[in-house]
Amino acid sequence: RDDMICRAIADEDERIRRAGLLAAQTQGCPDTAVPVLAQSLVSEASNGIAELMVKVLAPVHSPLVLRAFASMVVSPKRRWFRKVPASVSPAMLAALTVLATSWREEPEGAAALAIVKRSEDTAVQRILSRGGAPA
């Protein structure tokens, strides 16, 4: 089972990847798939499949996952030498929800949430207020 899920997740065909992700979501993400998914999530954050990747990785407590989620909510661009929130997308909001509910106590999670807190987007602010992000 794990091997089949891993092969499907790594496939180039998005339909097969989606099927593998759905299997991982319902049956649990194999440990061997976590690094592949975390890296793919960062490189494909704007892809429609990224939101599903977030859902698959949400229950996984791993530094790789934390870094991937943090990179989805904080833009690599800077404004006046300050890090800024990433552009809002369904995948970004999904990652933010997981960070705010599961990773807010971790230093890297708290730092990402502090940056995102500067966003004026109402969906972002709603997630932060529900998730109990640090002040």
N, C-alpha and C. Protein backbone atom coordinates (compact mmCIF):
# COMPACT_ATOMS: atom_id res chain seq x y z
N ARG A 1 0.82 -1.19 0.00
CA ARG A 1 0.00 0.00 0.00
C ARG A 1 0.86 1.25 0.00
N ASP A 2 1.80 1.35 0.92
CA ASP A 2 2.65 2.54 1.01
C ASP A 2 3.43 2.76 -0.27
N ASP A 3 3.96 1.68 -0.82
CA ASP A 3 4.75 1.79 -2.05
C ASP A 3 3.88 2.30 -3.20
N MET A 4 2.66 1.80 -3.29
CA MET A 4 1.76 2.24 -4.36
C MET A 4 1.40 3.72 -4.20
N ILE A 5 1.15 4.14 -2.98
CA ILE A 5 0.83 5.54 -2.74
C ILE A 5 2.03 6.42 -3.10
N CYS A 6 3.21 6.00 -2.69
CA CYS A 6 4.42 6.79 -2.99
C CYS A 6 4.65 6.90 -4.49
N ARG A 7 4.47 5.81 -5.20
CA ARG A 7 4.66 5.86 -6.66
C ARG A 7 3.61 6.75 -7.31
N ALA A 8 2.39 6.67 -6.84
CA ALA A 8 1.33 7.51 -7.42
C ALA A 8 1.60 8.99 -7.15
N ILE A 9 2.03 9.31 -5.95
CA ILE A 9 2.30 10.70 -5.59
C ILE A 9 3.44 11.28 -6.43
N ALA A 10 4.40 10.45 -6.77
CA ALA A 10 5.56 10.91 -7.55
C ALA A 10 5.31 10.89 -9.06
N ASP A 11 4.18 10.39 -9.49
CA ASP A 11 3.89 10.28 -10.92
C ASP A 11 3.76 11.66 -11.56
N GLU A 12 4.08 11.74 -12.83
CA GLU A 12 3.98 13.02 -13.54
C GLU A 12 2.55 13.34 -13.95
N ASP A 13 1.73 12.33 -14.09
CA ASP A 13 0.33 12.53 -14.47
C ASP A 13 -0.46 13.04 -13.26
N GLU A 14 -1.03 14.22 -13.39
CA GLU A 14 -1.73 14.82 -12.26
C GLU A 14 -2.91 13.98 -11.78
N ARG A 15 -3.56 13.28 -12.68
CA ARG A 15 -4.70 12.43 -12.26
C ARG A 15 -4.23 11.30 -11.35
N ILE A 16 -3.09 10.72 -11.69
CA ILE A 16 -2.54 9.64 -10.86
C ILE A 16 -2.05 10.20 -9.53
N ARG A 17 -1.42 11.37 -9.59
CA ARG A 17 -0.97 12.02 -8.34
C ARG A 17 -2.16 12.31 -7.44
N ARG A 18 -3.22 12.82 -8.03
CA ARG A 18 -4.42 13.14 -7.24
C ARG A 18 -4.99 11.87 -6.60
N ALA A 19 -5.02 10.79 -7.36
CA ALA A 19 -5.52 9.51 -6.82
C ALA A 19 -4.63 9.04 -5.66
N GLY A 20 -3.33 9.17 -5.82
CA GLY A 20 -2.40 8.80 -4.75
C GLY A 20 -2.59 9.67 -3.52
N LEU A 21 -2.81 10.96 -3.74
CA LEU A 21 -3.03 11.87 -2.62
C LEU A 21 -4.33 11.57 -1.90
N LEU A 22 -5.36 11.25 -2.66
CA LEU A 22 -6.64 10.89 -2.03
C LEU A 22 -6.49 9.61 -1.20
N ALA A 23 -5.72 8.66 -1.72
CA ALA A 23 -5.47 7.43 -0.96
C ALA A 23 -4.69 7.76 0.32
N ALA A 24 -3.70 8.62 0.20
CA ALA A 24 -2.91 9.01 1.37
C ALA A 24 -3.75 9.77 2.38
N GLN A 25 -4.69 10.54 1.88
CA GLN A 25 -5.56 11.31 2.78
C GLN A 25 -6.48 10.38 3.57
N THR A 26 -7.01 9.38 2.92
CA THR A 26 -7.95 8.49 3.60
C THR A 26 -7.27 7.39 4.40
N GLN A 27 -6.10 6.93 3.93
CA GLN A 27 -5.43 5.81 4.58
C GLN A 27 -4.21 6.22 5.39
N GLY A 28 -3.87 7.48 5.34
CA GLY A 28 -2.69 7.96 6.06
C GLY A 28 -1.51 8.09 5.12
N CYS A 29 -0.75 9.13 5.33
CA CYS A 29 0.41 9.40 4.48
C CYS A 29 1.58 8.53 4.91
N PRO A 30 2.12 7.74 4.00
CA PRO A 30 3.30 6.93 4.35
C PRO A 30 4.48 7.84 4.72
N ASP A 31 5.25 7.43 5.71
CA ASP A 31 6.41 8.22 6.14
C ASP A 31 7.36 8.50 4.99
N THR A 32 7.50 7.53 4.10
CA THR A 32 8.44 7.70 2.98
C THR A 32 7.95 8.73 1.97
N ALA A 33 6.68 9.07 2.00
CA ALA A 33 6.13 10.05 1.06
C ALA A 33 6.24 11.48 1.59
N VAL A 34 6.46 11.64 2.88
CA VAL A 34 6.47 12.98 3.48
C VAL A 34 7.51 13.90 2.84
N PRO A 35 8.78 13.50 2.70
CA PRO A 35 9.75 14.41 2.08
C PRO A 35 9.39 14.79 0.65
N VAL A 36 8.89 13.83 -0.11
CA VAL A 36 8.51 14.10 -1.50
C VAL A 36 7.35 15.09 -1.54
N LEU A 37 6.37 14.87 -0.70
CA LEU A 37 5.22 15.77 -0.66
C LEU A 37 5.60 17.16 -0.17
N ALA A 38 6.41 17.24 0.86
CA ALA A 38 6.81 18.55 1.39
C ALA A 38 7.56 19.35 0.33
N GLN A 39 8.45 18.71 -0.38
CA GLN A 39 9.20 19.40 -1.43
C GLN A 39 8.28 19.79 -2.58
N SER A 40 7.40 18.89 -2.97
CA SER A 40 6.45 19.18 -4.05
C SER A 40 5.53 20.32 -3.67
N LEU A 41 5.13 20.35 -2.42
CA LEU A 41 4.22 21.39 -1.96
C LEU A 41 4.85 22.76 -2.13
N VAL A 42 6.11 22.87 -1.80
CA VAL A 42 6.80 24.15 -1.93
C VAL A 42 6.93 24.55 -3.39
N SER A 43 7.28 23.60 -4.24
CA SER A 43 7.50 23.94 -5.65
C SER A 43 6.20 24.08 -6.44
N GLU A 44 5.11 23.53 -5.94
CA GLU A 44 3.84 23.57 -6.66
C GLU A 44 2.76 24.28 -5.88
N ALA A 45 3.14 25.26 -5.08
CA ALA A 45 2.18 25.93 -4.21
C ALA A 45 1.04 26.58 -4.98
N SER A 46 1.29 26.96 -6.22
CA SER A 46 0.23 27.61 -6.99
C SER A 46 -0.61 26.61 -7.78
N ASN A 47 -0.17 25.38 -7.80
CA ASN A 47 -0.88 24.33 -8.52
C ASN A 47 -2.16 23.96 -7.78
N GLY A 48 -3.18 23.56 -8.50
CA GLY A 48 -4.45 23.20 -7.89
C GLY A 48 -4.38 22.00 -6.97
N ILE A 49 -3.36 21.20 -7.12
CA ILE A 49 -3.22 19.99 -6.31
C ILE A 49 -2.58 20.30 -4.94
N ALA A 50 -2.04 21.49 -4.79
CA ALA A 50 -1.34 21.85 -3.55
C ALA A 50 -2.26 21.83 -2.34
N GLU A 51 -3.49 22.24 -2.51
CA GLU A 51 -4.43 22.24 -1.38
C GLU A 51 -4.66 20.82 -0.87
N LEU A 52 -4.74 19.87 -1.78
CA LEU A 52 -4.88 18.47 -1.39
C LEU A 52 -3.62 17.98 -0.68
N MET A 53 -2.46 18.42 -1.16
CA MET A 53 -1.20 18.05 -0.50
C MET A 53 -1.18 18.55 0.95
N VAL A 54 -1.68 19.76 1.16
CA VAL A 54 -1.74 20.31 2.52
C VAL A 54 -2.62 19.42 3.39
N LYS A 55 -3.76 19.01 2.86
CA LYS A 55 -4.66 18.16 3.64
C LYS A 55 -4.01 16.82 3.99
N VAL A 56 -3.24 16.28 3.07
CA VAL A 56 -2.56 15.01 3.32
C VAL A 56 -1.48 15.19 4.39
N LEU A 57 -0.75 16.30 4.32
CA LEU A 57 0.35 16.53 5.25
C LEU A 57 -0.10 17.11 6.60
N ALA A 58 -1.31 17.60 6.68
CA ALA A 58 -1.77 18.26 7.91
C ALA A 58 -1.58 17.43 9.18
N PRO A 59 -1.88 16.14 9.18
CA PRO A 59 -1.71 15.38 10.42
C PRO A 59 -0.27 14.93 10.70
N VAL A 60 0.64 15.21 9.77
CA VAL A 60 2.03 14.76 9.92
C VAL A 60 2.81 15.80 10.73
N HIS A 61 3.37 15.37 11.84
CA HIS A 61 4.15 16.28 12.69
C HIS A 61 5.63 16.07 12.37
N SER A 62 6.14 16.89 11.47
CA SER A 62 7.52 16.76 11.01
C SER A 62 8.08 18.15 10.72
N PRO A 63 9.35 18.37 11.02
CA PRO A 63 9.96 19.66 10.69
C PRO A 63 9.89 19.98 9.19
N LEU A 64 9.94 18.96 8.35
CA LEU A 64 9.82 19.19 6.90
C LEU A 64 8.45 19.78 6.56
N VAL A 65 7.44 19.26 7.20
CA VAL A 65 6.08 19.74 6.95
C VAL A 65 5.93 21.17 7.47
N LEU A 66 6.44 21.42 8.65
CA LEU A 66 6.38 22.78 9.20
C LEU A 66 7.05 23.77 8.26
N ARG A 67 8.24 23.43 7.78
CA ARG A 67 8.95 24.33 6.86
C ARG A 67 8.17 24.54 5.57
N ALA A 68 7.57 23.47 5.06
CA ALA A 68 6.79 23.59 3.83
C ALA A 68 5.59 24.51 4.03
N PHE A 69 4.87 24.33 5.13
CA PHE A 69 3.71 25.17 5.40
C PHE A 69 4.14 26.62 5.62
N ALA A 70 5.21 26.83 6.36
CA ALA A 70 5.69 28.19 6.61
C ALA A 70 6.08 28.87 5.30
N SER A 71 6.70 28.13 4.40
CA SER A 71 7.10 28.72 3.12
C SER A 71 5.89 29.03 2.23
N MET A 72 4.78 28.39 2.50
CA MET A 72 3.57 28.68 1.72
C MET A 72 2.86 29.94 2.19
N VAL A 73 3.06 30.32 3.43
CA VAL A 73 2.33 31.48 3.96
C VAL A 73 3.19 32.75 4.02
N VAL A 74 4.50 32.60 3.88
CA VAL A 74 5.40 33.75 3.88
C VAL A 74 6.02 33.86 2.50
N SER A 75 5.91 35.02 1.91
CA SER A 75 6.44 35.24 0.57
C SER A 75 7.97 35.24 0.59
N PRO A 76 8.58 34.73 -0.48
CA PRO A 76 10.04 34.83 -0.56
C PRO A 76 10.48 36.28 -0.85
N LYS A 77 9.54 37.09 -1.29
CA LYS A 77 9.84 38.51 -1.56
C LYS A 77 9.81 39.29 -0.26
N ARG A 78 10.50 40.40 -0.28
CA ARG A 78 10.53 41.27 0.90
C ARG A 78 10.07 42.66 0.51
N ARG A 79 9.53 43.35 1.48
CA ARG A 79 9.12 44.73 1.29
C ARG A 79 9.82 45.55 2.36
N TRP A 80 10.64 46.45 1.92
CA TRP A 80 11.42 47.27 2.84
C TRP A 80 12.21 46.38 3.80
N PHE A 81 12.83 45.36 3.26
CA PHE A 81 13.69 44.44 4.00
C PHE A 81 12.94 43.57 5.00
N ARG A 82 11.63 43.60 4.95
CA ARG A 82 10.82 42.78 5.87
C ARG A 82 10.14 41.67 5.09
N LYS A 83 10.04 40.53 5.72
CA LYS A 83 9.29 39.44 5.12
C LYS A 83 7.82 39.83 5.11
N VAL A 84 7.11 39.36 4.08
CA VAL A 84 5.70 39.70 3.94
C VAL A 84 4.88 38.43 3.74
N PRO A 85 3.59 38.51 4.02
CA PRO A 85 2.74 37.34 3.79
C PRO A 85 2.70 36.97 2.30
N ALA A 86 2.53 35.71 2.04
CA ALA A 86 2.40 35.23 0.66
C ALA A 86 1.04 35.65 0.11
N SER A 87 0.93 35.60 -1.20
CA SER A 87 -0.35 35.87 -1.84
C SER A 87 -1.37 34.84 -1.39
N VAL A 88 -2.56 35.29 -1.20
CA VAL A 88 -3.63 34.42 -0.71
C VAL A 88 -4.10 33.50 -1.84
N SER A 89 -4.18 32.23 -1.52
CA SER A 89 -4.69 31.21 -2.44
C SER A 89 -5.35 30.14 -1.58
N PRO A 90 -6.13 29.26 -2.17
CA PRO A 90 -6.72 28.18 -1.37
C PRO A 90 -5.67 27.34 -0.64
N ALA A 91 -4.56 27.05 -1.31
CA ALA A 91 -3.50 26.25 -0.67
C ALA A 91 -2.83 27.03 0.46
N MET A 92 -2.63 28.33 0.24
CA MET A 92 -2.02 29.15 1.29
C MET A 92 -2.93 29.19 2.52
N LEU A 93 -4.24 29.35 2.29
CA LEU A 93 -5.18 29.39 3.41
C LEU A 93 -5.24 28.04 4.13
N ALA A 94 -5.15 26.97 3.38
CA ALA A 94 -5.14 25.63 4.00
C ALA A 94 -3.89 25.46 4.86
N ALA A 95 -2.74 25.87 4.33
CA ALA A 95 -1.49 25.77 5.10
C ALA A 95 -1.54 26.67 6.33
N LEU A 96 -2.10 27.85 6.18
CA LEU A 96 -2.22 28.78 7.30
C LEU A 96 -3.10 28.19 8.40
N THR A 97 -4.18 27.55 8.01
CA THR A 97 -5.07 26.93 8.98
C THR A 97 -4.33 25.88 9.80
N VAL A 98 -3.54 25.06 9.13
CA VAL A 98 -2.78 24.02 9.84
C VAL A 98 -1.73 24.67 10.75
N LEU A 99 -1.03 25.67 10.24
CA LEU A 99 -0.03 26.36 11.07
C LEU A 99 -0.68 26.96 12.32
N ALA A 100 -1.80 27.62 12.13
CA ALA A 100 -2.45 28.32 13.25
C ALA A 100 -3.03 27.36 14.28
N THR A 101 -3.41 26.18 13.85
CA THR A 101 -4.01 25.24 14.80
C THR A 101 -3.02 24.22 15.36
N SER A 102 -2.00 23.87 14.59
CA SER A 102 -1.12 22.78 15.02
C SER A 102 0.33 23.17 15.28
N TRP A 103 0.77 24.29 14.75
CA TRP A 103 2.19 24.62 14.82
C TRP A 103 2.46 25.96 15.49
N ARG A 104 1.48 26.60 16.06
CA ARG A 104 1.68 27.96 16.59
C ARG A 104 2.65 28.00 17.77
N GLU A 105 2.84 26.88 18.45
CA GLU A 105 3.75 26.85 19.60
C GLU A 105 5.20 26.63 19.19
N GLU A 106 5.41 26.17 17.98
CA GLU A 106 6.78 25.95 17.48
C GLU A 106 7.36 27.29 17.04
N PRO A 107 8.63 27.55 17.33
CA PRO A 107 9.22 28.85 16.96
C PRO A 107 9.06 29.21 15.47
N GLU A 108 9.31 28.25 14.60
CA GLU A 108 9.18 28.55 13.16
C GLU A 108 7.73 28.82 12.77
N GLY A 109 6.82 28.09 13.37
CA GLY A 109 5.40 28.32 13.11
C GLY A 109 4.95 29.67 13.64
N ALA A 110 5.37 30.00 14.85
CA ALA A 110 5.01 31.29 15.45
C ALA A 110 5.58 32.45 14.64
N ALA A 111 6.80 32.29 14.14
CA ALA A 111 7.42 33.35 13.34
C ALA A 111 6.65 33.56 12.04
N ALA A 112 6.26 32.48 11.39
CA ALA A 112 5.49 32.60 10.15
C ALA A 112 4.13 33.25 10.42
N LEU A 113 3.50 32.85 11.50
CA LEU A 113 2.20 33.43 11.84
C LEU A 113 2.31 34.92 12.17
N ALA A 114 3.40 35.31 12.80
CA ALA A 114 3.60 36.73 13.11
C ALA A 114 3.72 37.56 11.83
N ILE A 115 4.36 37.00 10.82
CA ILE A 115 4.48 37.70 9.54
C ILE A 115 3.12 37.78 8.85
N VAL A 116 2.42 36.67 8.84
CA VAL A 116 1.12 36.62 8.16
C VAL A 116 0.10 37.51 8.86
N LYS A 117 0.29 37.72 10.13
CA LYS A 117 -0.64 38.56 10.90
C LYS A 117 -0.73 39.97 10.32
N ARG A 118 0.28 40.39 9.59
CA ARG A 118 0.27 41.73 8.98
C ARG A 118 -0.63 41.80 7.74
N SER A 119 -1.12 40.66 7.30
CA SER A 119 -2.00 40.64 6.13
C SER A 119 -3.31 41.35 6.44
N GLU A 120 -3.82 42.04 5.44
CA GLU A 120 -5.11 42.71 5.61
C GLU A 120 -6.25 41.87 5.04
N ASP A 121 -5.94 40.71 4.51
CA ASP A 121 -6.96 39.85 3.91
C ASP A 121 -7.91 39.33 5.00
N THR A 122 -9.20 39.43 4.74
CA THR A 122 -10.18 39.03 5.75
C THR A 122 -10.17 37.52 6.01
N ALA A 123 -9.95 36.72 4.98
CA ALA A 123 -9.90 35.27 5.19
C ALA A 123 -8.71 34.90 6.05
N VAL A 124 -7.59 35.55 5.82
CA VAL A 124 -6.39 35.30 6.63
C VAL A 124 -6.66 35.69 8.08
N GLN A 125 -7.23 36.86 8.28
CA GLN A 125 -7.50 37.33 9.64
C GLN A 125 -8.50 36.42 10.36
N ARG A 126 -9.47 35.91 9.62
CA ARG A 126 -10.46 35.00 10.21
C ARG A 126 -9.77 33.72 10.69
N ILE A 127 -8.89 33.18 9.87
CA ILE A 127 -8.16 31.96 10.25
C ILE A 127 -7.30 32.22 11.48
N LEU A 128 -6.60 33.34 11.48
CA LEU A 128 -5.73 33.65 12.61
C LEU A 128 -6.53 33.83 13.90
N SER A 129 -7.69 34.45 13.81
CA SER A 129 -8.48 34.65 15.02
C SER A 129 -9.07 33.33 15.53
N ARG A 130 -9.44 32.45 14.62
CA ARG A 130 -9.97 31.14 15.03
C ARG A 130 -8.87 30.23 15.54
N GLY A 131 -7.68 30.34 14.95
CA GLY A 131 -6.60 29.42 15.30
C GLY A 131 -5.83 29.83 16.53
N GLY A 132 -6.09 31.00 17.03
CA GLY A 132 -5.39 31.44 18.23
C GLY A 132 -3.94 31.77 17.97
N ALA A 133 -3.67 32.41 16.84
CA ALA A 133 -2.29 32.78 16.52
C ALA A 133 -1.76 33.73 17.58
N PRO A 134 -0.47 33.70 17.81
CA PRO A 134 0.11 34.57 18.84
C PRO A 134 -0.09 36.04 18.52
N ALA A 135 -0.20 36.83 19.55
CA ALA A 135 -0.41 38.28 19.38
C ALA A 135 0.84 38.97 18.92
